Amino acid sequence: MKFPYFSVNAFCKGAFSGNPAGVCILEEWLSTDELQNMASQLYFPETAFVFPNKKDSWSIRWFTPKSEVDLCGHATMAAAHVLFEEGLATQGAVITFSCNSGKLQVSHDEKKRLIMDFPLLKARNSHVSPALVEGLGAYPDEVYVGTNCLCVFGAEETVRSLAPDFKMLSGLNSFIGVIATAKTSIIGYHFVSRYFAPSVGIDEDHATGSAHCLLAPYWGNKLNKNKLVGLQASSRGAEIRCEVKGDRVILSGVAETFVRGKMTF
């Protein structure tokens, strides 16, 4: 079986930046085991598999090298970018993706940024556990737990200098990954973040759209703003624009294709 395959950098802020994702366009759904085997073989942080429903409507599933996830921002952006660029979606239209997290919509803005409408994620205030401190190698000022664990630090440099014990973090099984964040003084940005998810095969993610569904409401409330720009301080770097609208978060950014071809499975 052969089908179109693409490698895309999402949430770019310049050459060789953003987060790479695989995008596979299927003519029929394969089994979960087959999709997982392909994602493990490709070994991107996430691979998106999309299947057409009706015009400008697609089903989507995301897989890390180790497991399926319910929501992935950068691979959704990558998939929409491919559909627009390859003429599989109508230019100027809104693409609707159906997934385990509901309906996700993606469009373009006047600056050719991709705009994604995602659910706002909530988290509850939590205590700072010794295992979390040992895993991060630093003591956060605030901790919130939901799908991910949000750790807020008082200094940007603390976030940038973190050298986590990934084996220790992978043993924290009450959430998927750990978001470390702090306010930034860099002009044009409101906060910095890093994201660690070794339990699903990603020691550190380069750009994490879904994490900003939690970061945006947190920093929006702190800074009294509904529009923010986040800098993900990974080795590749990523820029993620956020807007909080009620129970939704609008994420936007730029994507670039760097490989296209056919995949045989």
C-alpha atoms as a PDB file:
ATOM      1  CA  MET A   1       0.000   0.000   0.000  1.00  0.00           C
ATOM      2  CA  LYS A   2       1.331   3.430  -1.003  1.00  0.00           C
ATOM      3  CA  PHE A   3      -0.025   6.769   0.156  1.00  0.00           C
ATOM      4  CA  PRO A   4       1.107  10.434   0.196  1.00  0.00           C
ATOM      5  CA  TYR A   5       3.504  11.345   2.976  1.00  0.00           C
ATOM      6  CA  PHE A   6       4.904  14.718   4.076  1.00  0.00           C
ATOM      7  CA  SER A   7       7.347  16.038   6.653  1.00  0.00           C
ATOM      8  CA  VAL A   8       6.449  19.510   7.910  1.00  0.00           C
ATOM      9  CA  ASN A   9       7.900  21.995  10.397  1.00  0.00           C
ATOM     10  CA  ALA A  10       5.109  23.681  12.373  1.00  0.00           C
ATOM     11  CA  PHE A  11       5.146  26.867  14.483  1.00  0.00           C
ATOM     12  CA  CYS A  12       8.296  28.055  12.697  1.00  0.00           C
ATOM     13  CA  LYS A  13       9.984  31.317  13.614  1.00  0.00           C
ATOM     14  CA  GLY A  14      12.733  31.097  10.985  1.00  0.00           C
ATOM     15  CA  ALA A  15      14.736  28.509   9.066  1.00  0.00           C
ATOM     16  CA  PHE A  16      15.168  25.105  10.746  1.00  0.00           C
ATOM     17  CA  SER A  17      12.852  26.008  13.601  1.00  0.00           C
ATOM     18  CA  GLY A  18       9.485  24.774  14.820  1.00  0.00           C
ATOM     19  CA  ASN A  19       8.451  21.187  15.428  1.00  0.00           C
ATOM     20  CA  PRO A  20       8.695  18.484  12.748  1.00  0.00           C
ATOM     21  CA  ALA A  21       5.630  16.319  12.162  1.00  0.00           C
ATOM     22  CA  GLY A  22       4.779  13.536   9.764  1.00  0.00           C
ATOM     23  CA  VAL A  23       1.533  13.787   7.779  1.00  0.00           C
ATOM     24  CA  CYS A  24       0.052  10.717   6.073  1.00  0.00           C
ATOM     25  CA  ILE A  25      -3.051  10.994   3.858  1.00  0.00           C
ATOM     26  CA  LEU A  26      -5.027   7.748   3.881  1.00  0.00           C
ATOM     27  CA  GLU A  27      -7.654   6.430   1.485  1.00  0.00           C
ATOM     28  CA  GLU A  28      -8.913   4.014   4.119  1.00  0.00           C
ATOM     29  CA  TRP A  29      -8.404   3.702   7.854  1.00  0.00           C
ATOM     30  CA  LEU A  30      -5.791   1.217   8.962  1.00  0.00           C
ATOM     31  CA  SER A  31      -5.823  -0.526  12.330  1.00  0.00           C
ATOM     32  CA  THR A  32      -4.529   1.272  15.409  1.00  0.00           C
ATOM     33  CA  ASP A  33      -1.592  -1.157  15.550  1.00  0.00           C
ATOM     34  CA  GLU A  34      -0.685  -0.398  11.933  1.00  0.00           C
ATOM     35  CA  LEU A  35      -0.834   3.351  12.514  1.00  0.00           C
ATOM     36  CA  GLN A  36       1.262   3.031  15.663  1.00  0.00           C
ATOM     37  CA  ASN A  37       3.844   0.908  13.836  1.00  0.00           C
ATOM     38  CA  MET A  38       4.164   3.565  11.120  1.00  0.00           C
ATOM     39  CA  ALA A  39       4.519   6.356  13.677  1.00  0.00           C
ATOM     40  CA  SER A  40       7.168   4.353  15.526  1.00  0.00           C
ATOM     41  CA  GLN A  41       9.043   3.775  12.265  1.00  0.00           C
ATOM     42  CA  LEU A  42       8.932   7.477  11.296  1.00  0.00           C
ATOM     43  CA  TYR A  43       9.927   8.500  14.839  1.00  0.00           C
ATOM     44  CA  PHE A  44       8.709  12.091  14.662  1.00  0.00           C
ATOM     45  CA  PRO A  45       7.455  13.680  17.894  1.00  0.00           C
ATOM     46  CA  GLU A  46       3.979  13.211  16.371  1.00  0.00           C
ATOM     47  CA  THR A  47       2.608  11.834  13.125  1.00  0.00           C
ATOM     48  CA  ALA A  48      -0.848  12.874  11.911  1.00  0.00           C
ATOM     49  CA  PHE A  49      -2.990  10.465   9.888  1.00  0.00           C
ATOM     50  CA  VAL A  50      -5.851  12.102   8.010  1.00  0.00           C
ATOM     51  CA  PHE A  51      -8.780  10.573   6.147  1.00  0.00           C
ATOM     52  CA  PRO A  52     -11.303  12.504   3.978  1.00  0.00           C
ATOM     53  CA  ASN A  53     -14.935  12.753   5.028  1.00  0.00           C
ATOM     54  CA  LYS A  54     -16.702  15.383   2.900  1.00  0.00           C
ATOM     55  CA  LYS A  55     -15.426  18.575   1.261  1.00  0.00           C
ATOM     56  CA  ASP A  56     -12.964  20.363   3.586  1.00  0.00           C
ATOM     57  CA  SER A  57     -13.796  17.883   6.373  1.00  0.00           C
ATOM     58  CA  TRP A  58     -11.313  15.271   7.560  1.00  0.00           C
ATOM     59  CA  SER A  59     -10.826  12.773  10.362  1.00  0.00           C
ATOM     60  CA  ILE A  60      -7.478  12.972  12.135  1.00  0.00           C
ATOM     61  CA  ARG A  61      -5.501  10.826  14.581  1.00  0.00           C
ATOM     62  CA  TRP A  62      -2.106  11.561  16.127  1.00  0.00           C
ATOM     63  CA  PHE A  63       0.583   9.151  17.286  1.00  0.00           C
ATOM     64  CA  THR A  64       3.897   9.650  19.069  1.00  0.00           C
ATOM     65  CA  PRO A  65       6.531   6.913  18.614  1.00  0.00           C
ATOM     66  CA  LYS A  66       5.012   5.174  21.663  1.00  0.00           C
ATOM     67  CA  SER A  67       1.283   5.908  21.832  1.00  0.00           C
ATOM     68  CA  GLU A  68      -1.785   7.653  20.425  1.00  0.00           C
ATOM     69  CA  VAL A  69      -2.671  11.084  21.850  1.00  0.00           C
ATOM     70  CA  ASP A  70      -6.059  12.828  21.987  1.00  0.00           C
ATOM     71  CA  LEU A  71      -4.866  16.288  20.946  1.00  0.00           C
ATOM     72  CA  CYS A  72      -1.808  17.609  19.113  1.00  0.00           C
ATOM     73  CA  GLY A  73      -1.451  21.189  17.954  1.00  0.00           C
ATOM     74  CA  HIS A  74       1.659  21.170  15.796  1.00  0.00           C
ATOM     75  CA  ALA A  75       0.710  18.014  13.862  1.00  0.00           C
ATOM     76  CA  THR A  76      -2.770  19.452  13.237  1.00  0.00           C
ATOM     77  CA  MET A  77      -1.144  22.595  11.838  1.00  0.00           C
ATOM     78  CA  ALA A  78       1.143  20.415   9.708  1.00  0.00           C
ATOM     79  CA  ALA A  79      -1.824  18.438   8.352  1.00  0.00           C
ATOM     80  CA  ALA A  80      -3.803  21.588   7.468  1.00  0.00           C
ATOM     81  CA  HIS A  81      -0.740  23.110   5.809  1.00  0.00           C
ATOM     82  CA  VAL A  82      -0.377  20.018   3.589  1.00  0.00           C
ATOM     83  CA  LEU A  83      -4.073  19.972   2.645  1.00  0.00           C
ATOM     84  CA  PHE A  84      -4.009  23.651   1.635  1.00  0.00           C
ATOM     85  CA  GLU A  85      -0.631  23.439  -0.123  1.00  0.00           C
ATOM     86  CA  GLU A  86      -1.481  20.282  -2.088  1.00  0.00           C
ATOM     87  CA  GLY A  87      -4.869  21.576  -3.208  1.00  0.00           C
ATOM     88  CA  LEU A  88      -6.787  19.017  -1.156  1.00  0.00           C
ATOM     89  CA  ALA A  89      -8.638  21.766   0.717  1.00  0.00           C
ATOM     90  CA  THR A  90     -10.283  24.836  -0.791  1.00  0.00           C
ATOM     91  CA  GLN A  91      -8.119  27.963  -0.520  1.00  0.00           C
ATOM     92  CA  GLY A  92      -9.745  30.404   1.881  1.00  0.00           C
ATOM     93  CA  ALA A  93     -11.974  27.709   3.376  1.00  0.00           C
ATOM     94  CA  VAL A  94     -12.075  26.430   6.949  1.00  0.00           C
ATOM     95  CA  ILE A  95     -10.881  22.847   7.359  1.00  0.00           C
ATOM     96  CA  THR A  96     -12.754  20.852   9.991  1.00  0.00           C
ATOM     97  CA  PHE A  97     -10.960  17.939  11.649  1.00  0.00           C
ATOM     98  CA  SER A  98     -12.905  15.337  13.650  1.00  0.00           C
ATOM     99  CA  CYS A  99     -11.009  13.668  16.480  1.00  0.00           C
ATOM    100  CA  ASN A 100     -11.321  12.303  20.027  1.00  0.00           C
ATOM    101  CA  SER A 101     -11.267  15.899  21.333  1.00  0.00           C
ATOM    102  CA  GLY A 102     -14.215  16.986  19.179  1.00  0.00           C
ATOM    103  CA  LYS A 103     -14.188  19.300  16.154  1.00  0.00           C
ATOM    104  CA  LEU A 104     -11.076  21.341  15.357  1.00  0.00           C
ATOM    105  CA  GLN A 105     -11.119  24.083  12.737  1.00  0.00           C
ATOM    106  CA  VAL A 106      -8.143  25.485  10.829  1.00  0.00           C
ATOM    107  CA  SER A 107      -8.013  28.430   8.425  1.00  0.00           C
ATOM    108  CA  HIS A 108      -5.545  31.030   7.037  1.00  0.00           C
ATOM    109  CA  ASP A 109      -5.202  34.676   7.999  1.00  0.00           C
ATOM    110  CA  GLU A 110      -4.144  37.585   5.779  1.00  0.00           C
ATOM    111  CA  LYS A 111      -0.477  36.962   6.665  1.00  0.00           C
ATOM    112  CA  LYS A 112      -0.750  33.292   5.594  1.00  0.00           C
ATOM    113  CA  ARG A 113      -0.528  32.107   9.188  1.00  0.00           C
ATOM    114  CA  LEU A 114      -2.534  28.996   9.975  1.00  0.00           C
ATOM    115  CA  ILE A 115      -5.209  29.639  12.600  1.00  0.00           C
ATOM    116  CA  MET A 116      -6.467  26.754  14.748  1.00  0.00           C
ATOM    117  CA  ASP A 117      -9.539  26.742  16.984  1.00  0.00           C
ATOM    118  CA  PHE A 118      -8.805  24.444  19.950  1.00  0.00           C
ATOM    119  CA  PRO A 119     -10.524  23.702  23.270  1.00  0.00           C
ATOM    120  CA  LEU A 120      -9.273  25.597  26.319  1.00  0.00           C
ATOM    121  CA  LEU A 121      -7.729  23.196  28.821  1.00  0.00           C
ATOM    122  CA  LYS A 122      -8.159  23.563  32.568  1.00  0.00           C
ATOM    123  CA  ALA A 123      -6.024  22.445  35.490  1.00  0.00           C
ATOM    124  CA  ARG A 124      -6.386  22.432  39.253  1.00  0.00           C
ATOM    125  CA  ASN A 125      -3.958  23.905  41.747  1.00  0.00           C
ATOM    126  CA  SER A 126      -1.719  21.164  43.137  1.00  0.00           C
ATOM    127  CA  HIS A 127       1.111  20.632  45.580  1.00  0.00           C
ATOM    128  CA  VAL A 128       4.779  20.473  44.609  1.00  0.00           C
ATOM    129  CA  SER A 129       5.802  16.835  44.910  1.00  0.00           C
ATOM    130  CA  PRO A 130       9.403  15.791  45.702  1.00  0.00           C
ATOM    131  CA  ALA A 131       9.432  13.544  42.601  1.00  0.00           C
ATOM    132  CA  LEU A 132       8.468  16.485  40.371  1.00  0.00           C
ATOM    133  CA  VAL A 133      11.187  18.694  41.875  1.00  0.00           C
ATOM    134  CA  GLU A 134      13.766  15.927  41.491  1.00  0.00           C
ATOM    135  CA  GLY A 135      12.646  15.240  37.918  1.00  0.00           C
ATOM    136  CA  LEU A 136      12.875  18.898  36.889  1.00  0.00           C
ATOM    137  CA  GLY A 137      15.903  19.741  38.977  1.00  0.00           C
ATOM    138  CA  ALA A 138      14.223  22.948  40.195  1.00  0.00           C
ATOM    139  CA  TYR A 139      11.424  24.024  42.540  1.00  0.00           C
ATOM    140  CA  PRO A 140       8.446  25.689  40.797  1.00  0.00           C
ATOM    141  CA  ASP A 141       6.544  28.557  42.409  1.00  0.00           C
ATOM    142  CA  GLU A 142       3.146  27.189  41.314  1.00  0.00           C
ATOM    143  CA  VAL A 143       1.896  23.813  40.085  1.00  0.00           C
ATOM    144  CA  TYR A 144      -1.362  23.006  38.282  1.00  0.00           C
ATOM    145  CA  VAL A 145      -2.417  19.538  37.152  1.00  0.00           C
ATOM    146  CA  GLY A 146      -4.791  18.584  34.355  1.00  0.00           C
ATOM    147  CA  THR A 147      -4.003  16.654  31.185  1.00  0.00           C
ATOM    148  CA  ASN A 148      -0.489  18.046  31.671  1.00  0.00           C
ATOM    149  CA  CYS A 149       1.325  19.401  34.709  1.00  0.00           C
ATOM    150  CA  LEU A 150       1.929  23.156  34.515  1.00  0.00           C
ATOM    151  CA  CYS A 151       4.943  24.367  36.517  1.00  0.00           C
ATOM    152  CA  VAL A 152       5.354  28.133  36.847  1.00  0.00           C
ATOM    153  CA  PHE A 153       8.769  29.602  37.686  1.00  0.00           C
ATOM    154  CA  GLY A 154       9.672  33.110  38.768  1.00  0.00           C
ATOM    155  CA  ALA A 155      12.641  33.488  36.420  1.00  0.00           C
ATOM    156  CA  GLU A 156      12.922  32.869  32.691  1.00  0.00           C
ATOM    157  CA  GLU A 157      16.522  31.704  33.075  1.00  0.00           C
ATOM    158  CA  THR A 158      15.392  28.901  35.396  1.00  0.00           C
ATOM    159  CA  VAL A 159      13.125  27.534  32.649  1.00  0.00           C
ATOM    160  CA  ARG A 160      15.838  27.831  30.006  1.00  0.00           C
ATOM    161  CA  SER A 161      18.471  26.109  32.163  1.00  0.00           C
ATOM    162  CA  LEU A 162      16.374  23.105  33.227  1.00  0.00           C
ATOM    163  CA  ALA A 163      18.132  19.776  32.669  1.00  0.00           C
ATOM    164  CA  PRO A 164      15.427  17.250  33.617  1.00  0.00           C
ATOM    165  CA  ASP A 165      15.875  13.677  34.730  1.00  0.00           C
ATOM    166  CA  PHE A 166      13.673  12.134  32.037  1.00  0.00           C
ATOM    167  CA  LYS A 167      13.604   8.723  33.674  1.00  0.00           C
ATOM    168  CA  MET A 168      12.223  10.317  36.836  1.00  0.00           C
ATOM    169  CA  LEU A 169       9.659  12.382  34.894  1.00  0.00           C
ATOM    170  CA  SER A 170       8.494   9.335  32.932  1.00  0.00           C
ATOM    171  CA  GLY A 171       7.444   7.747  36.219  1.00  0.00           C
ATOM    172  CA  LEU A 172       4.977  10.558  37.008  1.00  0.00           C
ATOM    173  CA  ASN A 173       1.847   8.919  35.605  1.00  0.00           C
ATOM    174  CA  SER A 174      -0.969  11.255  36.706  1.00  0.00           C
ATOM    175  CA  PHE A 175      -0.485  13.479  33.611  1.00  0.00           C
ATOM    176  CA  ILE A 176       0.967  13.200  30.105  1.00  0.00           C
ATOM    177  CA  GLY A 177       3.802  15.707  30.320  1.00  0.00           C
ATOM    178  CA  VAL A 178       5.282  18.643  32.206  1.00  0.00           C
ATOM    179  CA  ILE A 179       5.086  22.268  31.034  1.00  0.00           C
ATOM    180  CA  ALA A 180       7.683  24.625  32.515  1.00  0.00           C
ATOM    181  CA  THR A 181       6.955  28.324  32.030  1.00  0.00           C
ATOM    182  CA  ALA A 182       7.895  31.840  33.123  1.00  0.00           C
ATOM    183  CA  LYS A 183       7.174  35.415  32.115  1.00  0.00           C
ATOM    184  CA  THR A 184       9.698  36.794  29.612  1.00  0.00           C
ATOM    185  CA  SER A 185      11.260  40.205  29.044  1.00  0.00           C
ATOM    186  CA  ILE A 186      11.943  39.467  25.357  1.00  0.00           C
ATOM    187  CA  ILE A 187      10.258  42.103  23.185  1.00  0.00           C
ATOM    188  CA  GLY A 188       7.373  40.653  21.190  1.00  0.00           C
ATOM    189  CA  TYR A 189       6.709  37.754  23.561  1.00  0.00           C
ATOM    190  CA  HIS A 190       4.760  37.380  26.804  1.00  0.00           C
ATOM    191  CA  PHE A 191       6.034  34.073  28.204  1.00  0.00           C
ATOM    192  CA  VAL A 192       8.488  31.272  27.556  1.00  0.00           C
ATOM    193  CA  SER A 193       7.866  27.581  27.993  1.00  0.00           C
ATOM    194  CA  ARG A 194       9.353  24.116  27.583  1.00  0.00           C
ATOM    195  CA  TYR A 195       7.514  20.808  27.395  1.00  0.00           C
ATOM    196  CA  PHE A 196       8.727  17.385  28.561  1.00  0.00           C
ATOM    197  CA  ALA A 197       6.784  14.163  27.880  1.00  0.00           C
ATOM    198  CA  PRO A 198       9.133  11.170  28.203  1.00  0.00           C
ATOM    199  CA  SER A 199       6.251   8.850  29.161  1.00  0.00           C
ATOM    200  CA  VAL A 200       4.967   9.043  25.552  1.00  0.00           C
ATOM    201  CA  GLY A 201       8.403   8.958  23.922  1.00  0.00           C
ATOM    202  CA  ILE A 202       9.150  12.711  23.755  1.00  0.00           C
ATOM    203  CA  ASP A 203      11.890  13.816  26.156  1.00  0.00           C
ATOM    204  CA  GLU A 204      11.456  17.446  25.062  1.00  0.00           C
ATOM    205  CA  ASP A 205       9.013  18.678  22.431  1.00  0.00           C
ATOM    206  CA  HIS A 206      10.129  21.476  20.110  1.00  0.00           C
ATOM    207  CA  ALA A 207       6.695  23.148  19.806  1.00  0.00           C
ATOM    208  CA  THR A 208       3.539  22.070  21.620  1.00  0.00           C
ATOM    209  CA  GLY A 209       0.271  23.623  20.516  1.00  0.00           C
ATOM    210  CA  SER A 210      -1.860  21.672  22.979  1.00  0.00           C
ATOM    211  CA  ALA A 211       0.264  22.911  25.915  1.00  0.00           C
ATOM    212  CA  HIS A 212      -0.659  26.464  24.923  1.00  0.00           C
ATOM    213  CA  CYS A 213      -4.328  25.596  25.422  1.00  0.00           C
ATOM    214  CA  LEU A 214      -3.362  25.651  29.110  1.00  0.00           C
ATOM    215  CA  LEU A 215      -0.612  28.286  28.966  1.00  0.00           C
ATOM    216  CA  ALA A 216      -2.764  30.893  27.205  1.00  0.00           C
ATOM    217  CA  PRO A 217      -5.550  31.042  29.824  1.00  0.00           C
ATOM    218  CA  TYR A 218      -3.005  30.974  32.668  1.00  0.00           C
ATOM    219  CA  TRP A 219      -0.912  33.863  31.329  1.00  0.00           C
ATOM    220  CA  GLY A 220      -3.960  35.664  29.963  1.00  0.00           C
ATOM    221  CA  ASN A 221      -5.363  35.800  33.488  1.00  0.00           C
ATOM    222  CA  LYS A 222      -2.010  36.797  35.022  1.00  0.00           C
ATOM    223  CA  LEU A 223      -1.280  39.539  32.486  1.00  0.00           C
ATOM    224  CA  ASN A 224      -4.900  40.595  31.896  1.00  0.00           C
ATOM    225  CA  LYS A 225      -4.601  39.944  28.157  1.00  0.00           C
ATOM    226  CA  ASN A 226      -6.552  37.753  25.761  1.00  0.00           C
ATOM    227  CA  LYS A 227      -3.946  37.885  22.979  1.00  0.00           C
ATOM    228  CA  LEU A 228      -0.462  36.585  23.767  1.00  0.00           C
ATOM    229  CA  VAL A 229       2.651  35.322  22.001  1.00  0.00           C
ATOM    230  CA  GLY A 230       4.549  32.401  23.496  1.00  0.00           C
ATOM    231  CA  LEU A 231       8.164  31.445  22.819  1.00  0.00           C
ATOM    232  CA  GLN A 232       8.868  27.752  23.244  1.00  0.00           C
ATOM    233  CA  ALA A 233      12.507  27.696  24.316  1.00  0.00           C
ATOM    234  CA  SER A 234      13.447  24.298  22.872  1.00  0.00           C
ATOM    235  CA  SER A 235      16.673  23.741  20.942  1.00  0.00           C
ATOM    236  CA  ARG A 236      14.878  24.546  17.640  1.00  0.00           C
ATOM    237  CA  GLY A 237      12.668  27.299  19.051  1.00  0.00           C
ATOM    238  CA  ALA A 238       9.041  28.002  18.182  1.00  0.00           C
ATOM    239  CA  GLU A 239       6.633  30.938  18.117  1.00  0.00           C
ATOM    240  CA  ILE A 240       3.006  30.280  19.070  1.00  0.00           C
ATOM    241  CA  ARG A 241       0.390  33.035  18.931  1.00  0.00           C
ATOM    242  CA  CYS A 242      -2.588  32.573  21.235  1.00  0.00           C
ATOM    243  CA  GLU A 243      -5.970  34.203  21.706  1.00  0.00           C
ATOM    244  CA  VAL A 244      -8.378  33.176  24.461  1.00  0.00           C
ATOM    245  CA  LYS A 245     -12.031  33.272  23.368  1.00  0.00           C
ATOM    246  CA  GLY A 246     -14.340  31.918  26.048  1.00  0.00           C
ATOM    247  CA  ASP A 247     -13.786  28.174  26.300  1.00  0.00           C
ATOM    248  CA  ARG A 248     -11.624  28.104  23.158  1.00  0.00           C
ATOM    249  CA  VAL A 249      -8.013  29.007  22.420  1.00  0.00           C
ATOM    250  CA  ILE A 250      -7.090  30.266  18.950  1.00  0.00           C
ATOM    251  CA  LEU A 251      -3.543  29.185  18.087  1.00  0.00           C
ATOM    252  CA  SER A 252      -1.718  30.501  15.036  1.00  0.00           C
ATOM    253  CA  GLY A 253       1.661  30.085  13.416  1.00  0.00           C
ATOM    254  CA  VAL A 254       3.616  29.244  10.278  1.00  0.00           C
ATOM    255  CA  ALA A 255       4.364  25.833   8.757  1.00  0.00           C
ATOM    256  CA  GLU A 256       6.801  24.710   6.032  1.00  0.00           C
ATOM    257  CA  THR A 257       7.042  21.415   4.113  1.00  0.00           C
ATOM    258  CA  PHE A 258      10.557  19.970   3.894  1.00  0.00           C
ATOM    259  CA  VAL A 259       9.855  16.452   2.500  1.00  0.00           C
ATOM    260  CA  ARG A 260       7.077  15.110   0.282  1.00  0.00           C
ATOM    261  CA  GLY A 261       6.728  11.703  -1.310  1.00  0.00           C
ATOM    262  CA  LYS A 262       5.034   8.313  -1.108  1.00  0.00           C
ATOM    263  CA  MET A 263       5.129   5.955   1.852  1.00  0.00           C
ATOM    264  CA  THR A 264       4.915   2.198   1.371  1.00  0.00           C
ATOM    265  CA  PHE A 265       3.458   0.064   4.127  1.00  0.00           C
END
